């Protein structure tokens, strides 16, 4: 994987493979495989919840949630429909029908923290600086809309700040929030450096970070051309304008290099 010069590596599987090869990051990655019915069958035995994601999908579109129930039954959920099957084999057949010829990954479901029963995850935004070091812009949370299992802003997810989410779930002190912020910053820097090593030409990263009910931090996905609208709601009212300016500079520079 090292030395891959893809500007914007789109495939989730390739990015997962790159990061999985880094031992210090591996522990924060959910188990992830390319979808096949036998792979799904093995993974659903290990995890009660799995998420199937389009390898080239974005904004939460096309994601399927599978939950294993008592007695071996499975519930398969798309954005609009729910199917119940009496066993894993029937569920895998339904998934194959839903997915068709598209390339999907299957990922271990993380027991996300919840606010009023709605799952929450976080977006960390980083841009590369002229000195080749990553600039950490901040963290914003996303609370899923009612009856949704994806938190994406485009799917009705509502913004929430890190301290609000942690106060609502773990009732942490201000000092603890500072420690949480530091932990996420440090992890994000490690991930960004690893991504830059495998994909030297990337200039932007939007890391989808999860915190589970045991207070463990996970990386769900690394986006290399991320949306940043959530940061309109950041506590720093000037941050969004700074991000937008930085994005325009980075993308204009990339376009100039392509023309040359």
C-alpha atoms as a PDB file:
ATOM      1  CA  UNK A   1       0.000   0.000   0.000  1.00  0.00           C
ATOM      2  CA  UNK A   2       2.809   2.464   0.756  1.00  0.00           C
ATOM      3  CA  UNK A   3       3.705   4.780  -2.057  1.00  0.00           C
ATOM      4  CA  UNK A   4       0.178   4.784  -3.485  1.00  0.00           C
ATOM      5  CA  UNK A   5      -0.118   8.224  -5.108  1.00  0.00           C
ATOM      6  CA  UNK A   6      -3.893   8.375  -5.406  1.00  0.00           C
ATOM      7  CA  UNK A   7      -5.009  11.944  -4.715  1.00  0.00           C
ATOM      8  CA  UNK A   8      -8.372  11.111  -3.215  1.00  0.00           C
ATOM      9  CA  UNK A   9      -8.525   7.386  -2.366  1.00  0.00           C
ATOM     10  CA  UNK A  10     -12.258   6.792  -2.512  1.00  0.00           C
ATOM     11  CA  UNK A  11     -12.591   3.122  -1.672  1.00  0.00           C
ATOM     12  CA  UNK A  12     -13.303   2.449   1.987  1.00  0.00           C
ATOM     13  CA  UNK A  13     -11.646  -0.960   1.756  1.00  0.00           C
ATOM     14  CA  UNK A  14      -8.312   0.399   0.529  1.00  0.00           C
ATOM     15  CA  UNK A  15      -8.236   3.039   3.258  1.00  0.00           C
ATOM     16  CA  UNK A  16      -9.060   0.419   5.887  1.00  0.00           C
ATOM     17  CA  UNK A  17      -6.274  -1.846   4.612  1.00  0.00           C
ATOM     18  CA  UNK A  18      -3.790   1.019   4.724  1.00  0.00           C
ATOM     19  CA  UNK A  19      -4.632   1.916   8.315  1.00  0.00           C
ATOM     20  CA  UNK A  20      -4.873  -1.743   9.422  1.00  0.00           C
ATOM     21  CA  UNK A  21      -1.234  -2.141   8.437  1.00  0.00           C
ATOM     22  CA  UNK A  22      -0.300   0.408  11.145  1.00  0.00           C
ATOM     23  CA  UNK A  23      -0.067  -1.427  14.479  1.00  0.00           C
ATOM     24  CA  UNK A  24      -0.607   1.628  16.672  1.00  0.00           C
ATOM     25  CA  UNK A  25      -3.905   2.399  14.903  1.00  0.00           C
ATOM     26  CA  UNK A  26      -5.251  -1.130  14.462  1.00  0.00           C
ATOM     27  CA  UNK A  27      -6.851  -1.264  17.922  1.00  0.00           C
ATOM     28  CA  UNK A  28      -9.247   1.609  17.102  1.00  0.00           C
ATOM     29  CA  UNK A  29     -10.501   0.073  13.838  1.00  0.00           C
ATOM     30  CA  UNK A  30     -13.712  -1.996  13.889  1.00  0.00           C
ATOM     31  CA  UNK A  31     -13.382  -5.401  12.245  1.00  0.00           C
ATOM     32  CA  UNK A  32     -13.966  -4.763   8.537  1.00  0.00           C
ATOM     33  CA  UNK A  33     -14.042  -7.073   5.525  1.00  0.00           C
ATOM     34  CA  UNK A  34     -15.144  -6.990   1.916  1.00  0.00           C
ATOM     35  CA  UNK A  35     -18.695  -8.251   1.681  1.00  0.00           C
ATOM     36  CA  UNK A  36     -19.376 -11.828   0.661  1.00  0.00           C
ATOM     37  CA  UNK A  37     -22.133 -14.048   2.030  1.00  0.00           C
ATOM     38  CA  UNK A  38     -19.676 -16.372   3.803  1.00  0.00           C
ATOM     39  CA  UNK A  39     -17.791 -13.422   5.317  1.00  0.00           C
ATOM     40  CA  UNK A  40     -21.053 -11.918   6.536  1.00  0.00           C
ATOM     41  CA  UNK A  41     -22.102 -15.249   8.067  1.00  0.00           C
ATOM     42  CA  UNK A  42     -18.834 -15.518   9.997  1.00  0.00           C
ATOM     43  CA  UNK A  43     -18.902 -11.923  11.208  1.00  0.00           C
ATOM     44  CA  UNK A  44     -22.519 -11.940  12.386  1.00  0.00           C
ATOM     45  CA  UNK A  45     -21.576 -14.849  14.666  1.00  0.00           C
ATOM     46  CA  UNK A  46     -18.940 -12.637  16.308  1.00  0.00           C
ATOM     47  CA  UNK A  47     -20.901  -9.374  16.448  1.00  0.00           C
ATOM     48  CA  UNK A  48     -24.571  -8.821  17.181  1.00  0.00           C
ATOM     49  CA  UNK A  49     -24.665  -5.773  14.873  1.00  0.00           C
ATOM     50  CA  UNK A  50     -22.994  -5.231  11.505  1.00  0.00           C
ATOM     51  CA  UNK A  51     -23.073  -2.341   9.056  1.00  0.00           C
ATOM     52  CA  UNK A  52     -22.748  -2.889   5.332  1.00  0.00           C
ATOM     53  CA  UNK A  53     -21.456   0.140   3.444  1.00  0.00           C
ATOM     54  CA  UNK A  54     -20.922   0.843  -0.271  1.00  0.00           C
ATOM     55  CA  UNK A  55     -17.196   0.723  -0.919  1.00  0.00           C
ATOM     56  CA  UNK A  56     -17.490   3.961  -2.886  1.00  0.00           C
ATOM     57  CA  UNK A  57     -20.483   5.447  -1.057  1.00  0.00           C
ATOM     58  CA  UNK A  58     -20.735   8.812   0.650  1.00  0.00           C
ATOM     59  CA  UNK A  59     -23.026  10.797   2.957  1.00  0.00           C
ATOM     60  CA  UNK A  60     -24.402   7.633   4.541  1.00  0.00           C
ATOM     61  CA  UNK A  61     -26.240   6.561   1.394  1.00  0.00           C
ATOM     62  CA  UNK A  62     -26.817   2.862   0.805  1.00  0.00           C
ATOM     63  CA  UNK A  63     -25.824   1.753   4.323  1.00  0.00           C
ATOM     64  CA  UNK A  64     -27.531  -1.397   5.623  1.00  0.00           C
ATOM     65  CA  UNK A  65     -27.734  -2.401   9.290  1.00  0.00           C
ATOM     66  CA  UNK A  66     -28.009  -6.056  10.311  1.00  0.00           C
ATOM     67  CA  UNK A  67     -28.864  -7.088  13.879  1.00  0.00           C
ATOM     68  CA  UNK A  68     -28.706 -10.652  15.171  1.00  0.00           C
ATOM     69  CA  UNK A  69     -31.549 -11.412  17.553  1.00  0.00           C
ATOM     70  CA  UNK A  70     -32.070 -14.144  20.144  1.00  0.00           C
ATOM     71  CA  UNK A  71     -32.708 -17.504  18.584  1.00  0.00           C
ATOM     72  CA  UNK A  72     -30.609 -16.709  15.518  1.00  0.00           C
ATOM     73  CA  UNK A  73     -33.104 -14.473  13.685  1.00  0.00           C
ATOM     74  CA  UNK A  74     -31.745 -11.429  11.841  1.00  0.00           C
ATOM     75  CA  UNK A  75     -33.173  -7.972  11.197  1.00  0.00           C
ATOM     76  CA  UNK A  76     -31.981  -6.236   8.020  1.00  0.00           C
ATOM     77  CA  UNK A  77     -32.582  -2.466   7.871  1.00  0.00           C
ATOM     78  CA  UNK A  78     -32.149  -0.056   4.988  1.00  0.00           C
ATOM     79  CA  UNK A  79     -32.934   3.668   5.099  1.00  0.00           C
ATOM     80  CA  UNK A  80     -36.558   2.947   4.162  1.00  0.00           C
ATOM     81  CA  UNK A  81     -37.380  -0.697   4.911  1.00  0.00           C
ATOM     82  CA  UNK A  82     -36.922  -3.388   7.564  1.00  0.00           C
ATOM     83  CA  UNK A  83     -36.797  -7.116   6.832  1.00  0.00           C
ATOM     84  CA  UNK A  84     -36.822  -9.914   9.408  1.00  0.00           C
ATOM     85  CA  UNK A  85     -35.437 -13.356   8.624  1.00  0.00           C
ATOM     86  CA  UNK A  86     -35.565 -16.441  10.795  1.00  0.00           C
ATOM     87  CA  UNK A  87     -31.904 -17.296  10.269  1.00  0.00           C
ATOM     88  CA  UNK A  88     -28.571 -15.928   9.080  1.00  0.00           C
ATOM     89  CA  UNK A  89     -28.655 -17.816   5.793  1.00  0.00           C
ATOM     90  CA  UNK A  90     -31.907 -16.137   4.711  1.00  0.00           C
ATOM     91  CA  UNK A  91     -30.570 -12.761   5.838  1.00  0.00           C
ATOM     92  CA  UNK A  92     -27.410 -13.229   3.767  1.00  0.00           C
ATOM     93  CA  UNK A  93     -29.514 -14.074   0.721  1.00  0.00           C
ATOM     94  CA  UNK A  94     -31.522 -10.878   1.225  1.00  0.00           C
ATOM     95  CA  UNK A  95     -28.334  -8.849   1.509  1.00  0.00           C
ATOM     96  CA  UNK A  96     -27.016 -10.331  -1.709  1.00  0.00           C
ATOM     97  CA  UNK A  97     -30.273  -9.310  -3.385  1.00  0.00           C
ATOM     98  CA  UNK A  98     -30.130  -5.766  -1.969  1.00  0.00           C
ATOM     99  CA  UNK A  99     -26.477  -5.237  -2.870  1.00  0.00           C
ATOM    100  CA  UNK A 100     -26.514  -6.864  -6.302  1.00  0.00           C
ATOM    101  CA  UNK A 101     -23.296  -6.295  -8.228  1.00  0.00           C
ATOM    102  CA  UNK A 102     -22.129  -3.343  -6.117  1.00  0.00           C
ATOM    103  CA  UNK A 103     -18.977  -3.545  -4.037  1.00  0.00           C
ATOM    104  CA  UNK A 104     -19.659  -3.340  -0.280  1.00  0.00           C
ATOM    105  CA  UNK A 105     -17.717  -3.668   2.935  1.00  0.00           C
ATOM    106  CA  UNK A 106     -19.085  -5.213   6.122  1.00  0.00           C
ATOM    107  CA  UNK A 107     -18.078  -3.595   9.398  1.00  0.00           C
ATOM    108  CA  UNK A 108     -18.441  -4.475  13.055  1.00  0.00           C
ATOM    109  CA  UNK A 109     -21.186  -2.402  14.679  1.00  0.00           C
ATOM    110  CA  UNK A 110     -20.009  -0.188  17.527  1.00  0.00           C
ATOM    111  CA  UNK A 111     -22.282   0.368  20.531  1.00  0.00           C
ATOM    112  CA  UNK A 112     -22.332   4.145  20.131  1.00  0.00           C
ATOM    113  CA  UNK A 113     -23.195   6.530  22.907  1.00  0.00           C
ATOM    114  CA  UNK A 114     -26.782   7.737  22.596  1.00  0.00           C
ATOM    115  CA  UNK A 115     -28.765  10.829  23.462  1.00  0.00           C
ATOM    116  CA  UNK A 116     -32.446  10.145  24.035  1.00  0.00           C
ATOM    117  CA  UNK A 117     -31.963   6.812  22.307  1.00  0.00           C
ATOM    118  CA  UNK A 118     -30.352   8.346  19.206  1.00  0.00           C
ATOM    119  CA  UNK A 119     -26.800   7.301  18.241  1.00  0.00           C
ATOM    120  CA  UNK A 120     -24.044   9.915  18.218  1.00  0.00           C
ATOM    121  CA  UNK A 121     -20.698  10.022  16.451  1.00  0.00           C
ATOM    122  CA  UNK A 122     -18.171  12.748  15.665  1.00  0.00           C
ATOM    123  CA  UNK A 123     -16.399  14.398  12.754  1.00  0.00           C
ATOM    124  CA  UNK A 124     -12.810  15.597  13.153  1.00  0.00           C
ATOM    125  CA  UNK A 125     -11.535  17.946  10.451  1.00  0.00           C
ATOM    126  CA  UNK A 126      -7.874  18.351   9.469  1.00  0.00           C
ATOM    127  CA  UNK A 127      -6.086  20.155   6.622  1.00  0.00           C
ATOM    128  CA  UNK A 128      -2.448  19.958   5.629  1.00  0.00           C
ATOM    129  CA  UNK A 129      -0.358  23.071   6.260  1.00  0.00           C
ATOM    130  CA  UNK A 130       2.319  24.478   3.913  1.00  0.00           C
ATOM    131  CA  UNK A 131       4.929  22.994   6.294  1.00  0.00           C
ATOM    132  CA  UNK A 132       3.346  19.551   5.682  1.00  0.00           C
ATOM    133  CA  UNK A 133       2.011  19.286   9.245  1.00  0.00           C
ATOM    134  CA  UNK A 134      -1.686  18.708   9.824  1.00  0.00           C
ATOM    135  CA  UNK A 135      -3.881  21.508  11.135  1.00  0.00           C
ATOM    136  CA  UNK A 136      -6.564  20.274  13.541  1.00  0.00           C
ATOM    137  CA  UNK A 137      -9.665  22.446  13.098  1.00  0.00           C
ATOM    138  CA  UNK A 138     -11.954  20.828  15.637  1.00  0.00           C
ATOM    139  CA  UNK A 139     -14.542  18.213  16.538  1.00  0.00           C
ATOM    140  CA  UNK A 140     -18.290  18.277  15.946  1.00  0.00           C
ATOM    141  CA  UNK A 141     -20.818  15.617  16.863  1.00  0.00           C
ATOM    142  CA  UNK A 142     -23.801  14.324  14.907  1.00  0.00           C
ATOM    143  CA  UNK A 143     -26.973  12.988  16.523  1.00  0.00           C
ATOM    144  CA  UNK A 144     -29.008  10.695  14.284  1.00  0.00           C
ATOM    145  CA  UNK A 145     -32.533  11.724  13.341  1.00  0.00           C
ATOM    146  CA  UNK A 146     -35.436   9.812  14.917  1.00  0.00           C
ATOM    147  CA  UNK A 147     -35.577   6.177  13.806  1.00  0.00           C
ATOM    148  CA  UNK A 148     -32.357   6.549  11.769  1.00  0.00           C
ATOM    149  CA  UNK A 149     -29.188   4.534  12.316  1.00  0.00           C
ATOM    150  CA  UNK A 150     -26.919   6.878  10.307  1.00  0.00           C
ATOM    151  CA  UNK A 151     -25.891  10.198  11.818  1.00  0.00           C
ATOM    152  CA  UNK A 152     -24.967  12.055   8.620  1.00  0.00           C
ATOM    153  CA  UNK A 153     -26.045  15.692   8.481  1.00  0.00           C
ATOM    154  CA  UNK A 154     -27.455  15.050   4.981  1.00  0.00           C
ATOM    155  CA  UNK A 155     -29.701  12.312   6.448  1.00  0.00           C
ATOM    156  CA  UNK A 156     -31.208  14.548   9.107  1.00  0.00           C
ATOM    157  CA  UNK A 157     -28.455  14.269  11.734  1.00  0.00           C
ATOM    158  CA  UNK A 158     -28.308  17.190  14.150  1.00  0.00           C
ATOM    159  CA  UNK A 159     -25.064  18.889  15.214  1.00  0.00           C
ATOM    160  CA  UNK A 160     -23.873  18.643  18.786  1.00  0.00           C
ATOM    161  CA  UNK A 161     -20.649  19.828  20.382  1.00  0.00           C
ATOM    162  CA  UNK A 162     -18.276  17.378  22.030  1.00  0.00           C
ATOM    163  CA  UNK A 163     -18.747  18.737  25.537  1.00  0.00           C
ATOM    164  CA  UNK A 164     -22.552  18.627  25.189  1.00  0.00           C
ATOM    165  CA  UNK A 165     -22.450  14.992  24.066  1.00  0.00           C
ATOM    166  CA  UNK A 166     -20.095  13.948  26.866  1.00  0.00           C
ATOM    167  CA  UNK A 167     -22.075  15.816  29.519  1.00  0.00           C
ATOM    168  CA  UNK A 168     -25.279  14.152  28.312  1.00  0.00           C
ATOM    169  CA  UNK A 169     -23.842  10.640  28.261  1.00  0.00           C
ATOM    170  CA  UNK A 170     -21.026  10.342  30.816  1.00  0.00           C
ATOM    171  CA  UNK A 171     -21.705  13.448  32.968  1.00  0.00           C
ATOM    172  CA  UNK A 172     -18.032  14.332  32.782  1.00  0.00           C
ATOM    173  CA  UNK A 173     -16.354  17.330  34.409  1.00  0.00           C
ATOM    174  CA  UNK A 174     -14.789  20.227  32.501  1.00  0.00           C
ATOM    175  CA  UNK A 175     -11.343  18.773  33.219  1.00  0.00           C
ATOM    176  CA  UNK A 176     -12.436  15.403  31.799  1.00  0.00           C
ATOM    177  CA  UNK A 177     -13.717  17.100  28.639  1.00  0.00           C
ATOM    178  CA  UNK A 178     -10.290  18.675  28.130  1.00  0.00           C
ATOM    179  CA  UNK A 179      -8.731  15.208  28.481  1.00  0.00           C
ATOM    180  CA  UNK A 180     -11.203  13.757  25.971  1.00  0.00           C
ATOM    181  CA  UNK A 181     -10.407  16.532  23.528  1.00  0.00           C
ATOM    182  CA  UNK A 182      -6.702  15.798  23.932  1.00  0.00           C
ATOM    183  CA  UNK A 183      -7.181  12.060  23.378  1.00  0.00           C
ATOM    184  CA  UNK A 184      -9.143  12.621  20.180  1.00  0.00           C
ATOM    185  CA  UNK A 185      -6.612  15.188  18.920  1.00  0.00           C
ATOM    186  CA  UNK A 186      -3.687  12.839  19.535  1.00  0.00           C
ATOM    187  CA  UNK A 187      -5.409   9.908  17.840  1.00  0.00           C
ATOM    188  CA  UNK A 188      -6.466  12.073  14.898  1.00  0.00           C
ATOM    189  CA  UNK A 189      -2.889  13.229  14.398  1.00  0.00           C
ATOM    190  CA  UNK A 190      -1.656   9.604  14.321  1.00  0.00           C
ATOM    191  CA  UNK A 191      -4.327   8.644  11.801  1.00  0.00           C
ATOM    192  CA  UNK A 192      -3.612  11.689   9.628  1.00  0.00           C
ATOM    193  CA  UNK A 193       0.119  10.966   9.573  1.00  0.00           C
ATOM    194  CA  UNK A 194      -0.554   7.337   8.635  1.00  0.00           C
ATOM    195  CA  UNK A 195      -2.939   8.337   5.851  1.00  0.00           C
ATOM    196  CA  UNK A 196      -0.390  10.840   4.516  1.00  0.00           C
ATOM    197  CA  UNK A 197       2.270   8.129   4.468  1.00  0.00           C
ATOM    198  CA  UNK A 198       0.088   5.808   2.395  1.00  0.00           C
ATOM    199  CA  UNK A 199      -1.466   8.546   0.266  1.00  0.00           C
ATOM    200  CA  UNK A 200       1.147  11.337   0.066  1.00  0.00           C
ATOM    201  CA  UNK A 201      -0.973  13.729  -1.992  1.00  0.00           C
ATOM    202  CA  UNK A 202      -4.006  14.058   0.275  1.00  0.00           C
ATOM    203  CA  UNK A 203      -4.547  17.511   1.789  1.00  0.00           C
ATOM    204  CA  UNK A 204      -7.849  17.149   3.676  1.00  0.00           C
ATOM    205  CA  UNK A 205      -9.238  14.625   6.134  1.00  0.00           C
ATOM    206  CA  UNK A 206     -12.608  14.229   7.793  1.00  0.00           C
ATOM    207  CA  UNK A 207     -12.358  11.474  10.392  1.00  0.00           C
ATOM    208  CA  UNK A 208     -15.581   9.813  11.535  1.00  0.00           C
ATOM    209  CA  UNK A 209     -14.903   9.051  15.179  1.00  0.00           C
ATOM    210  CA  UNK A 210     -17.107   6.974  17.477  1.00  0.00           C
ATOM    211  CA  UNK A 211     -17.186   6.719  21.261  1.00  0.00           C
ATOM    212  CA  UNK A 212     -18.781   3.557  22.616  1.00  0.00           C
ATOM    213  CA  UNK A 213     -20.614   2.992  25.886  1.00  0.00           C
ATOM    214  CA  UNK A 214     -17.370   1.700  27.461  1.00  0.00           C
ATOM    215  CA  UNK A 215     -15.711   5.041  26.600  1.00  0.00           C
ATOM    216  CA  UNK A 216     -13.466   3.542  23.929  1.00  0.00           C
ATOM    217  CA  UNK A 217     -12.675   5.682  20.871  1.00  0.00           C
ATOM    218  CA  UNK A 218     -12.993   4.158  17.386  1.00  0.00           C
ATOM    219  CA  UNK A 219     -12.296   5.294  13.844  1.00  0.00           C
ATOM    220  CA  UNK A 220     -15.256   4.460  11.600  1.00  0.00           C
ATOM    221  CA  UNK A 221     -13.925   6.012   8.406  1.00  0.00           C
ATOM    222  CA  UNK A 222     -11.332   8.440   7.022  1.00  0.00           C
ATOM    223  CA  UNK A 223     -12.776  10.762   4.356  1.00  0.00           C
ATOM    224  CA  UNK A 224     -10.275  12.419   2.020  1.00  0.00           C
ATOM    225  CA  UNK A 225     -12.562  15.098   0.561  1.00  0.00           C
ATOM    226  CA  UNK A 226     -14.847  15.743   3.502  1.00  0.00           C
ATOM    227  CA  UNK A 227     -17.949  17.834   3.959  1.00  0.00           C
ATOM    228  CA  UNK A 228     -17.548  20.470   6.658  1.00  0.00           C
ATOM    229  CA  UNK A 229     -20.987  22.107   7.025  1.00  0.00           C
ATOM    230  CA  UNK A 230     -21.291  20.801  10.598  1.00  0.00           C
ATOM    231  CA  UNK A 231     -18.663  23.307  11.671  1.00  0.00           C
ATOM    232  CA  UNK A 232     -21.111  26.156  11.140  1.00  0.00           C
ATOM    233  CA  UNK A 233     -22.348  25.129  14.599  1.00  0.00           C
ATOM    234  CA  UNK A 234     -18.957  25.077  16.315  1.00  0.00           C
ATOM    235  CA  UNK A 235     -18.494  27.141  19.475  1.00  0.00           C
ATOM    236  CA  UNK A 236     -15.948  29.271  17.581  1.00  0.00           C
ATOM    237  CA  UNK A 237     -18.177  31.375  15.332  1.00  0.00           C
ATOM    238  CA  UNK A 238     -15.237  32.266  13.067  1.00  0.00           C
ATOM    239  CA  UNK A 239     -14.063  28.695  12.508  1.00  0.00           C
ATOM    240  CA  UNK A 240     -16.326  27.878   9.563  1.00  0.00           C
ATOM    241  CA  UNK A 241     -15.035  30.840   7.546  1.00  0.00           C
ATOM    242  CA  UNK A 242     -11.441  29.781   8.262  1.00  0.00           C
ATOM    243  CA  UNK A 243     -12.214  26.233   7.106  1.00  0.00           C
ATOM    244  CA  UNK A 244     -13.887  27.479   3.949  1.00  0.00           C
ATOM    245  CA  UNK A 245     -10.927  29.688   3.106  1.00  0.00           C
ATOM    246  CA  UNK A 246      -8.522  26.813   3.697  1.00  0.00           C
ATOM    247  CA  UNK A 247     -10.599  24.473   1.511  1.00  0.00           C
ATOM    248  CA  UNK A 248     -10.625  26.955  -1.367  1.00  0.00           C
ATOM    249  CA  UNK A 249      -6.840  27.380  -1.158  1.00  0.00           C
ATOM    250  CA  UNK A 250      -6.157  23.628  -1.008  1.00  0.00           C
ATOM    251  CA  UNK A 251      -8.508  22.728  -3.843  1.00  0.00           C
ATOM    252  CA  UNK A 252      -7.363  25.610  -6.041  1.00  0.00           C
ATOM    253  CA  UNK A 253      -3.767  24.512  -5.518  1.00  0.00           C
ATOM    254  CA  UNK A 254      -4.688  20.924  -6.422  1.00  0.00           C
ATOM    255  CA  UNK A 255      -6.434  22.110  -9.586  1.00  0.00           C
ATOM    256  CA  UNK A 256      -3.407  24.172 -10.596  1.00  0.00           C
ATOM    257  CA  UNK A 257      -1.143  21.130 -10.201  1.00  0.00           C
ATOM    258  CA  UNK A 258      -3.489  19.043 -12.337  1.00  0.00           C
ATOM    259  CA  UNK A 259      -3.475  21.662 -15.122  1.00  0.00           C
ATOM    260  CA  UNK A 260       0.299  21.769 -15.101  1.00  0.00           C
END
